[in-house]
Amino acid sequence: MESGGFFIAIEGIDGSGKTTHSKKLVRWLNKHGVKSIYTKEPTNGDIGRILRSLARKKSVDPRVEALLFAADRLEHLNKVIQPYIKKEYVVISDRYVYSSLAYQTVTTSDPEWVKEINKFALKPDLTILLDLEPRIGLSRVKRNRTRFEEESFLEKVRREYLRLAEIDGLKIVDASRSIGEVFQEIVREVAKYLKNKVI
C-alpha cells in the first residue's frame, strides 16, 4: 500500500448492489472532504470490452476467460488503482480480485490456478462483501442476463465468496436489506478503517 492512499473493494454476486454502493460511497467521501474515485472491473479498456462481449456468449473456455480477467486487472492496477493511491485518493473498486477467486474458481474448478494467475493483484486495505441469496439478487437484475446470472451458478459463487471471507477476513454486509440500511453499515465499516488515515 502506497503512503497516503487507501484501497477499498466492494464485492458480491450479481444484483447485490455493488455499483450502487460503490458510487454512493465515493459521493459520501468526496462530500466529507476525502478525495476518492470510483472504478470497476471489468474495466472500460480493450480487455474489459472483450470480457463484456464474452459474457454474452453461451460457450467460452473458462481458462481463457480467467486469464483475460487477470490481464484486465493488471492493466487496471497499473493505469488506475496505483496512480490514484499515489495521489492519496481513496480508490473504490466495484469488483476486484475476489470476483475472480469466486467466479473463476467455480467456472474452472481450479482455485489454486486462479489464485496463481492473480498473484500480482494488490491486496485491498478493505474488502466489503455484499452478501445475499441469488434469487434476491437476480430479482434486482433488470437488464438481459448473462450466462453468469443463473441461480444455481450464483449459489456456488456465493458459497465461494463466504469461504474466502472466512479465510481472508472480508467484511460481510447483509445486502438483502434496504439501500439505506446497507449503506449505513458500509459507511460504519469504512469510517472505522479510515480513522487516523484520511478522515
N, C-alpha and C. Protein backbone atom coordinates (compact mmCIF):
# COMPACT_ATOMS: atom_id res chain seq x y z
N MET A 1 0.84 -1.20 0.00
CA MET A 1 0.00 0.00 0.00
C MET A 1 0.87 1.24 0.00
N GLU A 2 0.68 2.13 -0.95
CA GLU A 2 1.45 3.37 -1.01
C GLU A 2 1.00 4.31 0.11
N SER A 3 1.91 5.13 0.57
CA SER A 3 1.61 6.06 1.65
C SER A 3 0.51 7.04 1.24
N GLY A 4 -0.45 7.22 2.13
CA GLY A 4 -1.47 8.25 1.93
C GLY A 4 -2.76 7.78 1.32
N GLY A 5 -2.70 6.90 0.32
CA GLY A 5 -3.92 6.43 -0.31
C GLY A 5 -4.55 5.27 0.44
N PHE A 6 -5.70 4.86 -0.04
CA PHE A 6 -6.42 3.75 0.60
C PHE A 6 -7.23 3.05 -0.48
N PHE A 7 -7.27 1.74 -0.42
CA PHE A 7 -7.89 0.95 -1.48
C PHE A 7 -9.00 0.08 -0.91
N ILE A 8 -10.23 0.30 -1.41
CA ILE A 8 -11.41 -0.45 -0.95
C ILE A 8 -12.03 -1.18 -2.14
N ALA A 9 -12.31 -2.47 -1.97
CA ALA A 9 -13.02 -3.24 -3.00
C ALA A 9 -14.40 -3.61 -2.47
N ILE A 10 -15.40 -3.45 -3.32
CA ILE A 10 -16.77 -3.85 -3.00
C ILE A 10 -17.10 -5.07 -3.84
N GLU A 11 -17.40 -6.19 -3.18
CA GLU A 11 -17.62 -7.46 -3.87
C GLU A 11 -19.02 -7.99 -3.61
N GLY A 12 -19.42 -8.99 -4.41
CA GLY A 12 -20.70 -9.64 -4.21
C GLY A 12 -21.22 -10.21 -5.52
N ILE A 13 -22.23 -11.05 -5.41
CA ILE A 13 -22.83 -11.64 -6.62
C ILE A 13 -23.62 -10.58 -7.37
N ASP A 14 -24.06 -10.92 -8.56
CA ASP A 14 -24.86 -10.00 -9.37
C ASP A 14 -26.15 -9.65 -8.64
N GLY A 15 -26.48 -8.34 -8.66
CA GLY A 15 -27.69 -7.86 -8.00
C GLY A 15 -27.52 -7.53 -6.53
N SER A 16 -26.29 -7.62 -6.03
CA SER A 16 -26.07 -7.35 -4.60
C SER A 16 -25.96 -5.86 -4.29
N GLY A 17 -25.81 -5.03 -5.32
CA GLY A 17 -25.75 -3.58 -5.09
C GLY A 17 -24.36 -3.00 -5.11
N LYS A 18 -23.40 -3.72 -5.67
CA LYS A 18 -22.01 -3.26 -5.69
C LYS A 18 -21.86 -1.89 -6.33
N THR A 19 -22.43 -1.74 -7.52
CA THR A 19 -22.27 -0.48 -8.26
C THR A 19 -22.96 0.66 -7.52
N THR A 20 -24.19 0.44 -7.08
CA THR A 20 -24.94 1.47 -6.34
C THR A 20 -24.15 1.95 -5.14
N HIS A 21 -23.66 1.01 -4.33
CA HIS A 21 -23.00 1.39 -3.08
C HIS A 21 -21.58 1.91 -3.30
N SER A 22 -20.90 1.42 -4.33
CA SER A 22 -19.57 1.95 -4.65
C SER A 22 -19.67 3.43 -5.02
N LYS A 23 -20.64 3.76 -5.87
CA LYS A 23 -20.81 5.15 -6.30
C LYS A 23 -21.31 6.04 -5.15
N LYS A 24 -22.21 5.50 -4.33
CA LYS A 24 -22.69 6.27 -3.16
C LYS A 24 -21.53 6.56 -2.19
N LEU A 25 -20.67 5.57 -2.03
CA LEU A 25 -19.54 5.74 -1.12
C LEU A 25 -18.57 6.81 -1.61
N VAL A 26 -18.31 6.82 -2.91
CA VAL A 26 -17.44 7.85 -3.48
C VAL A 26 -18.04 9.24 -3.24
N ARG A 27 -19.36 9.35 -3.50
CA ARG A 27 -20.02 10.65 -3.27
C ARG A 27 -19.95 11.06 -1.80
N TRP A 28 -20.17 10.11 -0.91
CA TRP A 28 -20.14 10.38 0.53
C TRP A 28 -18.75 10.84 0.98
N LEU A 29 -17.71 10.16 0.51
CA LEU A 29 -16.34 10.52 0.88
C LEU A 29 -15.97 11.91 0.35
N ASN A 30 -16.31 12.16 -0.92
CA ASN A 30 -15.98 13.47 -1.51
C ASN A 30 -16.71 14.59 -0.78
N LYS A 31 -17.96 14.32 -0.39
CA LYS A 31 -18.75 15.31 0.35
C LYS A 31 -18.10 15.64 1.70
N HIS A 32 -17.42 14.64 2.27
CA HIS A 32 -16.76 14.83 3.57
C HIS A 32 -15.29 15.21 3.41
N GLY A 33 -14.93 15.68 2.24
CA GLY A 33 -13.59 16.22 2.02
C GLY A 33 -12.50 15.19 1.81
N VAL A 34 -12.90 13.96 1.50
CA VAL A 34 -11.91 12.91 1.26
C VAL A 34 -11.86 12.62 -0.25
N LYS A 35 -10.72 12.85 -0.86
CA LYS A 35 -10.57 12.61 -2.30
C LYS A 35 -10.78 11.13 -2.59
N SER A 36 -11.75 10.83 -3.44
CA SER A 36 -11.99 9.43 -3.76
C SER A 36 -12.42 9.30 -5.22
N ILE A 37 -12.25 8.09 -5.73
CA ILE A 37 -12.57 7.84 -7.14
C ILE A 37 -13.23 6.47 -7.27
N TYR A 38 -14.21 6.40 -8.17
CA TYR A 38 -14.88 5.14 -8.49
C TYR A 38 -14.21 4.49 -9.68
N THR A 39 -14.01 3.18 -9.59
CA THR A 39 -13.51 2.42 -10.72
C THR A 39 -14.16 1.04 -10.67
N LYS A 40 -13.97 0.25 -11.72
CA LYS A 40 -14.70 -1.02 -11.77
C LYS A 40 -13.96 -2.06 -12.58
N GLU A 41 -14.38 -3.31 -12.40
CA GLU A 41 -13.94 -4.42 -13.23
C GLU A 41 -15.16 -5.21 -13.68
N PRO A 42 -15.15 -5.72 -14.93
CA PRO A 42 -14.17 -5.45 -15.97
C PRO A 42 -14.08 -3.95 -16.26
N THR A 43 -12.92 -3.52 -16.70
CA THR A 43 -12.71 -2.11 -16.97
C THR A 43 -13.33 -1.72 -18.31
N ASN A 44 -13.20 -0.44 -18.65
CA ASN A 44 -13.66 0.04 -19.96
C ASN A 44 -12.55 -0.03 -21.00
N GLY A 45 -11.43 -0.67 -20.63
CA GLY A 45 -10.31 -0.79 -21.57
C GLY A 45 -10.57 -1.87 -22.60
N ASP A 46 -9.56 -2.12 -23.45
CA ASP A 46 -9.71 -3.09 -24.54
C ASP A 46 -10.05 -4.48 -24.03
N ILE A 47 -9.35 -4.92 -22.98
CA ILE A 47 -9.58 -6.27 -22.45
C ILE A 47 -10.93 -6.35 -21.77
N GLY A 48 -11.29 -5.31 -21.05
CA GLY A 48 -12.59 -5.28 -20.38
C GLY A 48 -13.74 -5.36 -21.37
N ARG A 49 -13.58 -4.71 -22.52
CA ARG A 49 -14.63 -4.76 -23.54
C ARG A 49 -14.76 -6.17 -24.12
N ILE A 50 -13.65 -6.85 -24.27
CA ILE A 50 -13.68 -8.24 -24.75
C ILE A 50 -14.42 -9.11 -23.73
N LEU A 51 -14.14 -8.91 -22.46
CA LEU A 51 -14.78 -9.70 -21.41
C LEU A 51 -16.29 -9.50 -21.38
N ARG A 52 -16.74 -8.25 -21.56
CA ARG A 52 -18.18 -8.00 -21.56
C ARG A 52 -18.84 -8.67 -22.77
N SER A 53 -18.12 -8.69 -23.89
CA SER A 53 -18.65 -9.37 -25.08
C SER A 53 -18.73 -10.88 -24.86
N LEU A 54 -17.71 -11.45 -24.23
CA LEU A 54 -17.69 -12.89 -23.97
C LEU A 54 -18.80 -13.31 -23.01
N ALA A 55 -19.16 -12.42 -22.08
CA ALA A 55 -20.19 -12.75 -21.09
C ALA A 55 -21.54 -13.03 -21.75
N ARG A 56 -21.73 -12.52 -22.98
CA ARG A 56 -22.99 -12.73 -23.70
C ARG A 56 -22.97 -14.02 -24.53
N LYS A 57 -21.79 -14.63 -24.65
CA LYS A 57 -21.68 -15.85 -25.44
C LYS A 57 -22.01 -17.07 -24.57
N LYS A 58 -22.59 -18.08 -25.19
CA LYS A 58 -23.02 -19.27 -24.42
C LYS A 58 -21.87 -20.20 -24.10
N SER A 59 -20.86 -20.25 -24.96
CA SER A 59 -19.76 -21.19 -24.75
C SER A 59 -18.41 -20.48 -24.86
N VAL A 60 -17.70 -20.44 -23.74
CA VAL A 60 -16.38 -19.80 -23.69
C VAL A 60 -15.47 -20.69 -22.84
N ASP A 61 -14.22 -20.85 -23.27
CA ASP A 61 -13.27 -21.61 -22.45
C ASP A 61 -13.04 -20.84 -21.16
N PRO A 62 -13.40 -21.42 -20.00
CA PRO A 62 -13.28 -20.68 -18.74
C PRO A 62 -11.84 -20.32 -18.39
N ARG A 63 -10.87 -21.09 -18.90
CA ARG A 63 -9.47 -20.77 -18.60
C ARG A 63 -9.03 -19.52 -19.36
N VAL A 64 -9.48 -19.41 -20.62
CA VAL A 64 -9.18 -18.20 -21.40
C VAL A 64 -9.80 -16.98 -20.72
N GLU A 65 -11.04 -17.14 -20.29
CA GLU A 65 -11.74 -16.03 -19.64
C GLU A 65 -11.04 -15.64 -18.34
N ALA A 66 -10.61 -16.62 -17.56
CA ALA A 66 -9.91 -16.33 -16.30
C ALA A 66 -8.62 -15.56 -16.56
N LEU A 67 -7.89 -15.94 -17.61
CA LEU A 67 -6.65 -15.23 -17.96
C LEU A 67 -6.94 -13.80 -18.40
N LEU A 68 -8.03 -13.60 -19.14
CA LEU A 68 -8.40 -12.25 -19.56
C LEU A 68 -8.78 -11.38 -18.37
N PHE A 69 -9.51 -11.94 -17.41
CA PHE A 69 -9.84 -11.18 -16.20
C PHE A 69 -8.57 -10.77 -15.46
N ALA A 70 -7.61 -11.70 -15.37
CA ALA A 70 -6.35 -11.39 -14.69
C ALA A 70 -5.57 -10.30 -15.44
N ALA A 71 -5.58 -10.36 -16.76
CA ALA A 71 -4.88 -9.35 -17.57
C ALA A 71 -5.54 -7.98 -17.42
N ASP A 72 -6.86 -7.97 -17.47
CA ASP A 72 -7.60 -6.72 -17.29
C ASP A 72 -7.30 -6.11 -15.92
N ARG A 73 -7.19 -6.96 -14.92
CA ARG A 73 -6.91 -6.49 -13.55
C ARG A 73 -5.52 -5.88 -13.46
N LEU A 74 -4.54 -6.50 -14.10
CA LEU A 74 -3.18 -5.96 -14.07
C LEU A 74 -3.12 -4.59 -14.73
N GLU A 75 -3.81 -4.46 -15.86
CA GLU A 75 -3.87 -3.16 -16.53
C GLU A 75 -4.58 -2.12 -15.65
N HIS A 76 -5.67 -2.54 -15.02
CA HIS A 76 -6.42 -1.68 -14.10
C HIS A 76 -5.53 -1.20 -12.95
N LEU A 77 -4.76 -2.14 -12.40
CA LEU A 77 -3.86 -1.83 -11.29
C LEU A 77 -2.81 -0.80 -11.71
N ASN A 78 -2.21 -1.03 -12.89
CA ASN A 78 -1.13 -0.16 -13.35
C ASN A 78 -1.60 1.22 -13.80
N LYS A 79 -2.80 1.27 -14.43
CA LYS A 79 -3.25 2.52 -15.04
C LYS A 79 -4.16 3.36 -14.14
N VAL A 80 -4.85 2.73 -13.19
CA VAL A 80 -5.82 3.47 -12.38
C VAL A 80 -5.54 3.36 -10.89
N ILE A 81 -5.54 2.14 -10.37
CA ILE A 81 -5.50 1.97 -8.91
C ILE A 81 -4.23 2.53 -8.29
N GLN A 82 -3.08 2.06 -8.73
CA GLN A 82 -1.83 2.54 -8.12
C GLN A 82 -1.56 4.03 -8.36
N PRO A 83 -1.80 4.57 -9.56
CA PRO A 83 -1.58 6.01 -9.74
C PRO A 83 -2.44 6.86 -8.80
N TYR A 84 -3.70 6.48 -8.58
CA TYR A 84 -4.55 7.27 -7.69
C TYR A 84 -4.20 7.07 -6.22
N ILE A 85 -3.73 5.88 -5.86
CA ILE A 85 -3.26 5.67 -4.50
C ILE A 85 -2.05 6.58 -4.23
N LYS A 86 -1.18 6.70 -5.22
CA LYS A 86 0.00 7.56 -5.08
C LYS A 86 -0.40 9.02 -4.92
N LYS A 87 -1.56 9.39 -5.51
CA LYS A 87 -2.06 10.76 -5.36
C LYS A 87 -2.86 10.94 -4.07
N GLU A 88 -2.86 9.90 -3.22
CA GLU A 88 -3.51 9.91 -1.91
C GLU A 88 -5.04 9.95 -1.99
N TYR A 89 -5.56 9.28 -2.99
CA TYR A 89 -7.01 9.11 -3.11
C TYR A 89 -7.45 7.85 -2.38
N VAL A 90 -8.73 7.83 -2.02
CA VAL A 90 -9.37 6.57 -1.63
C VAL A 90 -9.94 6.00 -2.93
N VAL A 91 -9.45 4.84 -3.32
CA VAL A 91 -9.89 4.20 -4.56
C VAL A 91 -10.96 3.16 -4.21
N ILE A 92 -12.14 3.30 -4.79
CA ILE A 92 -13.24 2.36 -4.58
C ILE A 92 -13.43 1.56 -5.85
N SER A 93 -13.18 0.26 -5.77
CA SER A 93 -13.33 -0.60 -6.95
C SER A 93 -14.57 -1.47 -6.83
N ASP A 94 -15.42 -1.35 -7.82
CA ASP A 94 -16.65 -2.14 -7.96
C ASP A 94 -16.23 -3.46 -8.62
N ARG A 95 -15.97 -4.45 -7.81
CA ARG A 95 -15.34 -5.74 -8.13
C ARG A 95 -13.83 -5.59 -8.19
N TYR A 96 -13.16 -6.67 -7.75
CA TYR A 96 -11.69 -6.72 -7.86
C TYR A 96 -11.30 -8.19 -7.81
N VAL A 97 -10.19 -8.52 -7.19
CA VAL A 97 -9.63 -9.87 -7.30
C VAL A 97 -10.52 -10.97 -6.73
N TYR A 98 -11.32 -10.66 -5.70
CA TYR A 98 -12.16 -11.71 -5.12
C TYR A 98 -13.27 -12.14 -6.08
N SER A 99 -13.60 -11.29 -7.05
CA SER A 99 -14.55 -11.71 -8.07
C SER A 99 -13.98 -12.89 -8.87
N SER A 100 -12.70 -12.79 -9.24
CA SER A 100 -12.07 -13.90 -9.95
C SER A 100 -11.93 -15.11 -9.04
N LEU A 101 -11.51 -14.89 -7.79
CA LEU A 101 -11.31 -16.01 -6.88
C LEU A 101 -12.61 -16.74 -6.60
N ALA A 102 -13.75 -16.05 -6.73
CA ALA A 102 -15.05 -16.70 -6.54
C ALA A 102 -15.59 -17.24 -7.87
N TYR A 103 -15.81 -16.35 -8.84
CA TYR A 103 -16.45 -16.76 -10.10
C TYR A 103 -15.58 -17.73 -10.90
N GLN A 104 -14.29 -17.40 -11.07
CA GLN A 104 -13.45 -18.25 -11.92
C GLN A 104 -13.06 -19.56 -11.23
N THR A 105 -13.08 -19.59 -9.91
CA THR A 105 -12.90 -20.86 -9.21
C THR A 105 -14.05 -21.80 -9.54
N VAL A 106 -15.26 -21.25 -9.62
CA VAL A 106 -16.42 -22.07 -9.96
C VAL A 106 -16.36 -22.52 -11.42
N THR A 107 -16.00 -21.62 -12.33
CA THR A 107 -16.01 -21.98 -13.76
C THR A 107 -14.88 -22.91 -14.14
N THR A 108 -13.70 -22.78 -13.48
CA THR A 108 -12.54 -23.62 -13.85
C THR A 108 -12.36 -24.82 -12.92
N SER A 109 -12.97 -24.78 -11.75
CA SER A 109 -12.78 -25.83 -10.72
C SER A 109 -11.32 -25.96 -10.31
N ASP A 110 -10.56 -24.87 -10.40
CA ASP A 110 -9.13 -24.91 -10.07
C ASP A 110 -8.74 -23.67 -9.27
N PRO A 111 -9.10 -23.64 -7.97
CA PRO A 111 -8.85 -22.44 -7.17
C PRO A 111 -7.38 -22.04 -7.07
N GLU A 112 -6.48 -23.03 -7.02
CA GLU A 112 -5.05 -22.70 -6.87
C GLU A 112 -4.51 -22.02 -8.12
N TRP A 113 -4.96 -22.48 -9.30
CA TRP A 113 -4.51 -21.85 -10.55
C TRP A 113 -5.05 -20.43 -10.66
N VAL A 114 -6.32 -20.23 -10.30
CA VAL A 114 -6.92 -18.89 -10.36
C VAL A 114 -6.17 -17.95 -9.41
N LYS A 115 -5.83 -18.47 -8.25
CA LYS A 115 -5.05 -17.66 -7.28
C LYS A 115 -3.68 -17.32 -7.86
N GLU A 116 -3.04 -18.29 -8.50
CA GLU A 116 -1.71 -18.08 -9.06
C GLU A 116 -1.69 -17.01 -10.14
N ILE A 117 -2.66 -17.04 -11.05
CA ILE A 117 -2.64 -16.06 -12.15
C ILE A 117 -3.04 -14.66 -11.68
N ASN A 118 -3.52 -14.57 -10.44
CA ASN A 118 -3.87 -13.26 -9.87
C ASN A 118 -2.92 -12.85 -8.73
N LYS A 119 -1.76 -13.49 -8.67
CA LYS A 119 -0.86 -13.26 -7.54
C LYS A 119 -0.29 -11.83 -7.51
N PHE A 120 -0.31 -11.15 -8.65
CA PHE A 120 0.22 -9.77 -8.72
C PHE A 120 -0.77 -8.75 -8.15
N ALA A 121 -2.02 -9.16 -7.95
CA ALA A 121 -3.06 -8.20 -7.55
C ALA A 121 -2.75 -7.59 -6.19
N LEU A 122 -2.77 -6.28 -6.11
CA LEU A 122 -2.58 -5.57 -4.85
C LEU A 122 -3.73 -5.91 -3.91
N LYS A 123 -3.41 -6.30 -2.69
CA LYS A 123 -4.47 -6.62 -1.74
C LYS A 123 -5.14 -5.33 -1.27
N PRO A 124 -6.46 -5.25 -1.38
CA PRO A 124 -7.14 -4.04 -0.89
C PRO A 124 -6.95 -3.86 0.61
N ASP A 125 -6.98 -2.62 1.07
CA ASP A 125 -6.92 -2.37 2.51
C ASP A 125 -8.20 -2.86 3.18
N LEU A 126 -9.29 -2.79 2.44
CA LEU A 126 -10.58 -3.24 2.96
C LEU A 126 -11.40 -3.82 1.81
N THR A 127 -11.93 -5.02 2.02
CA THR A 127 -12.84 -5.62 1.04
C THR A 127 -14.18 -5.87 1.73
N ILE A 128 -15.23 -5.31 1.17
CA ILE A 128 -16.58 -5.48 1.71
C ILE A 128 -17.35 -6.42 0.79
N LEU A 129 -17.89 -7.49 1.38
CA LEU A 129 -18.68 -8.45 0.63
C LEU A 129 -20.16 -8.20 0.89
N LEU A 130 -20.87 -7.78 -0.15
CA LEU A 130 -22.33 -7.58 -0.05
C LEU A 130 -22.98 -8.93 -0.29
N ASP A 131 -23.46 -9.54 0.77
CA ASP A 131 -23.95 -10.91 0.70
C ASP A 131 -25.47 -10.97 0.66
N LEU A 132 -26.01 -11.77 -0.24
CA LEU A 132 -27.45 -12.04 -0.27
C LEU A 132 -27.72 -13.28 -1.09
N GLU A 133 -28.93 -13.82 -0.97
CA GLU A 133 -29.30 -15.02 -1.72
C GLU A 133 -29.41 -14.68 -3.21
N PRO A 134 -28.94 -15.58 -4.07
CA PRO A 134 -29.00 -15.33 -5.51
C PRO A 134 -30.40 -15.02 -6.04
N ARG A 135 -31.43 -15.66 -5.50
CA ARG A 135 -32.79 -15.40 -6.01
C ARG A 135 -33.17 -13.93 -5.78
N ILE A 136 -32.71 -13.35 -4.68
CA ILE A 136 -32.98 -11.93 -4.41
C ILE A 136 -32.16 -11.07 -5.37
N GLY A 137 -30.89 -11.41 -5.52
CA GLY A 137 -30.04 -10.64 -6.42
C GLY A 137 -30.56 -10.64 -7.85
N LEU A 138 -30.96 -11.82 -8.32
CA LEU A 138 -31.44 -11.92 -9.70
C LEU A 138 -32.75 -11.18 -9.90
N SER A 139 -33.57 -11.08 -8.86
CA SER A 139 -34.83 -10.33 -8.98
C SER A 139 -34.57 -8.84 -9.17
N ARG A 140 -33.35 -8.40 -8.83
CA ARG A 140 -32.99 -6.98 -8.98
C ARG A 140 -32.34 -6.69 -10.33
N VAL A 141 -31.93 -7.73 -11.05
CA VAL A 141 -31.25 -7.54 -12.34
C VAL A 141 -32.30 -7.30 -13.42
N LYS A 142 -32.40 -6.08 -13.90
CA LYS A 142 -33.45 -5.70 -14.85
C LYS A 142 -33.04 -5.86 -16.31
N ARG A 143 -31.72 -5.85 -16.58
CA ARG A 143 -31.25 -5.98 -17.96
C ARG A 143 -31.29 -7.45 -18.38
N ASN A 144 -30.94 -7.70 -19.64
CA ASN A 144 -30.81 -9.08 -20.11
C ASN A 144 -29.68 -9.77 -19.36
N ARG A 145 -29.93 -10.96 -18.90
CA ARG A 145 -28.93 -11.65 -18.09
C ARG A 145 -27.82 -12.26 -18.94
N THR A 146 -26.62 -12.33 -18.34
CA THR A 146 -25.50 -13.03 -18.97
C THR A 146 -25.50 -14.47 -18.45
N ARG A 147 -24.57 -15.29 -18.98
CA ARG A 147 -24.52 -16.69 -18.53
C ARG A 147 -24.05 -16.80 -17.08
N PHE A 148 -23.48 -15.73 -16.53
CA PHE A 148 -23.08 -15.75 -15.12
C PHE A 148 -24.28 -15.58 -14.18
N GLU A 149 -25.39 -15.12 -14.74
CA GLU A 149 -26.54 -14.75 -13.91
C GLU A 149 -27.61 -15.84 -13.91
N GLU A 150 -27.22 -17.01 -13.44
CA GLU A 150 -28.13 -18.13 -13.26
C GLU A 150 -28.08 -18.53 -11.79
N GLU A 151 -29.24 -18.84 -11.22
CA GLU A 151 -29.32 -19.05 -9.77
C GLU A 151 -28.41 -20.17 -9.27
N SER A 152 -28.39 -21.31 -9.95
CA SER A 152 -27.58 -22.44 -9.48
C SER A 152 -26.08 -22.10 -9.51
N PHE A 153 -25.67 -21.38 -10.55
CA PHE A 153 -24.28 -20.95 -10.65
C PHE A 153 -23.93 -19.97 -9.53
N LEU A 154 -24.82 -18.99 -9.30
CA LEU A 154 -24.55 -17.97 -8.28
C LEU A 154 -24.59 -18.54 -6.87
N GLU A 155 -25.31 -19.63 -6.66
CA GLU A 155 -25.28 -20.30 -5.36
C GLU A 155 -23.85 -20.78 -5.06
N LYS A 156 -23.20 -21.34 -6.07
CA LYS A 156 -21.82 -21.82 -5.90
C LYS A 156 -20.86 -20.65 -5.69
N VAL A 157 -21.08 -19.57 -6.45
CA VAL A 157 -20.23 -18.38 -6.32
C VAL A 157 -20.38 -17.79 -4.91
N ARG A 158 -21.62 -17.72 -4.45
CA ARG A 158 -21.85 -17.17 -3.10
C ARG A 158 -21.13 -18.00 -2.04
N ARG A 159 -21.21 -19.33 -2.14
CA ARG A 159 -20.52 -20.19 -1.18
C ARG A 159 -19.01 -19.95 -1.21
N GLU A 160 -18.47 -19.75 -2.42
CA GLU A 160 -17.04 -19.50 -2.55
C GLU A 160 -16.67 -18.15 -1.93
N TYR A 161 -17.50 -17.13 -2.17
CA TYR A 161 -17.27 -15.82 -1.55
C TYR A 161 -17.24 -15.94 -0.02
N LEU A 162 -18.21 -16.66 0.54
CA LEU A 162 -18.29 -16.79 2.00
C LEU A 162 -17.10 -17.59 2.54
N ARG A 163 -16.64 -18.56 1.79
CA ARG A 163 -15.45 -19.31 2.21
C ARG A 163 -14.22 -18.39 2.23
N LEU A 164 -14.08 -17.59 1.18
CA LEU A 164 -12.96 -16.64 1.11
C LEU A 164 -13.05 -15.59 2.20
N ALA A 165 -14.26 -15.14 2.50
CA ALA A 165 -14.46 -14.14 3.55
C ALA A 165 -13.98 -14.65 4.89
N GLU A 166 -14.25 -15.92 5.15
CA GLU A 166 -13.83 -16.51 6.43
C GLU A 166 -12.32 -16.65 6.50
N ILE A 167 -11.71 -17.03 5.39
CA ILE A 167 -10.26 -17.22 5.35
C ILE A 167 -9.51 -15.89 5.41
N ASP A 168 -9.96 -14.92 4.60
CA ASP A 168 -9.20 -13.68 4.40
C ASP A 168 -9.73 -12.47 5.17
N GLY A 169 -10.80 -12.65 5.93
CA GLY A 169 -11.29 -11.55 6.77
C GLY A 169 -12.04 -10.46 6.03
N LEU A 170 -12.76 -10.85 4.95
CA LEU A 170 -13.59 -9.85 4.28
C LEU A 170 -14.71 -9.43 5.22
N LYS A 171 -15.14 -8.18 5.12
CA LYS A 171 -16.24 -7.69 5.94
C LYS A 171 -17.56 -8.02 5.24
N ILE A 172 -18.38 -8.83 5.87
CA ILE A 172 -19.64 -9.25 5.26
C ILE A 172 -20.77 -8.32 5.69
N VAL A 173 -21.49 -7.81 4.70
CA VAL A 173 -22.63 -6.93 4.94
C VAL A 173 -23.87 -7.59 4.33
N ASP A 174 -24.94 -7.67 5.11
CA ASP A 174 -26.20 -8.27 4.64
C ASP A 174 -26.84 -7.32 3.62
N ALA A 175 -26.79 -7.73 2.35
CA ALA A 175 -27.27 -6.86 1.27
C ALA A 175 -28.74 -7.07 0.94
N SER A 176 -29.44 -7.88 1.73
CA SER A 176 -30.86 -8.11 1.46
C SER A 176 -31.74 -6.99 2.00
N ARG A 177 -31.14 -6.10 2.81
CA ARG A 177 -31.89 -5.00 3.43
C ARG A 177 -32.04 -3.82 2.46
N SER A 178 -32.65 -2.75 2.94
CA SER A 178 -32.84 -1.57 2.11
C SER A 178 -31.49 -0.92 1.78
N ILE A 179 -31.48 -0.13 0.71
CA ILE A 179 -30.25 0.56 0.30
C ILE A 179 -29.71 1.40 1.45
N GLY A 180 -30.60 2.12 2.14
CA GLY A 180 -30.18 2.98 3.24
C GLY A 180 -29.52 2.21 4.37
N GLU A 181 -30.11 1.08 4.75
CA GLU A 181 -29.55 0.28 5.84
C GLU A 181 -28.20 -0.31 5.45
N VAL A 182 -28.11 -0.81 4.23
CA VAL A 182 -26.85 -1.38 3.77
C VAL A 182 -25.76 -0.31 3.72
N PHE A 183 -26.11 0.85 3.20
CA PHE A 183 -25.11 1.91 3.07
C PHE A 183 -24.63 2.41 4.43
N GLN A 184 -25.53 2.50 5.39
CA GLN A 184 -25.12 2.91 6.74
C GLN A 184 -24.06 1.97 7.30
N GLU A 185 -24.26 0.68 7.09
CA GLU A 185 -23.27 -0.28 7.60
C GLU A 185 -21.95 -0.16 6.85
N ILE A 186 -22.01 0.06 5.54
CA ILE A 186 -20.78 0.24 4.76
C ILE A 186 -20.01 1.46 5.27
N VAL A 187 -20.72 2.55 5.49
CA VAL A 187 -20.08 3.77 5.99
C VAL A 187 -19.42 3.52 7.35
N ARG A 188 -20.10 2.79 8.22
CA ARG A 188 -19.52 2.48 9.53
C ARG A 188 -18.21 1.71 9.39
N GLU A 189 -18.22 0.72 8.49
CA GLU A 189 -17.01 -0.08 8.28
C GLU A 189 -15.88 0.77 7.70
N VAL A 190 -16.21 1.57 6.70
CA VAL A 190 -15.20 2.40 6.04
C VAL A 190 -14.63 3.43 7.00
N ALA A 191 -15.51 4.10 7.77
CA ALA A 191 -15.05 5.11 8.72
C ALA A 191 -14.10 4.50 9.76
N LYS A 192 -14.39 3.28 10.15
CA LYS A 192 -13.55 2.58 11.13
C LYS A 192 -12.14 2.37 10.57
N TYR A 193 -12.07 2.00 9.29
CA TYR A 193 -10.78 1.72 8.67
C TYR A 193 -10.03 2.99 8.29
N LEU A 194 -10.76 4.03 7.96
CA LEU A 194 -10.11 5.27 7.53
C LEU A 194 -9.72 6.16 8.71
N LYS A 195 -10.20 5.84 9.90
CA LYS A 195 -9.90 6.64 11.08
C LYS A 195 -8.37 6.74 11.23
N ASN A 196 -7.90 7.96 11.47
CA ASN A 196 -6.48 8.25 11.62
C ASN A 196 -5.70 8.08 10.32
N LYS A 197 -6.43 7.89 9.20
CA LYS A 197 -5.74 7.79 7.91
C LYS A 197 -6.06 8.99 7.03
N VAL A 198 -7.35 9.12 6.66
CA VAL A 198 -7.70 10.25 5.80
C VAL A 198 -8.86 11.07 6.36
N ILE A 199 -9.70 10.49 7.22
CA ILE A 199 -10.83 11.25 7.77
C ILE A 199 -10.41 11.89 9.07
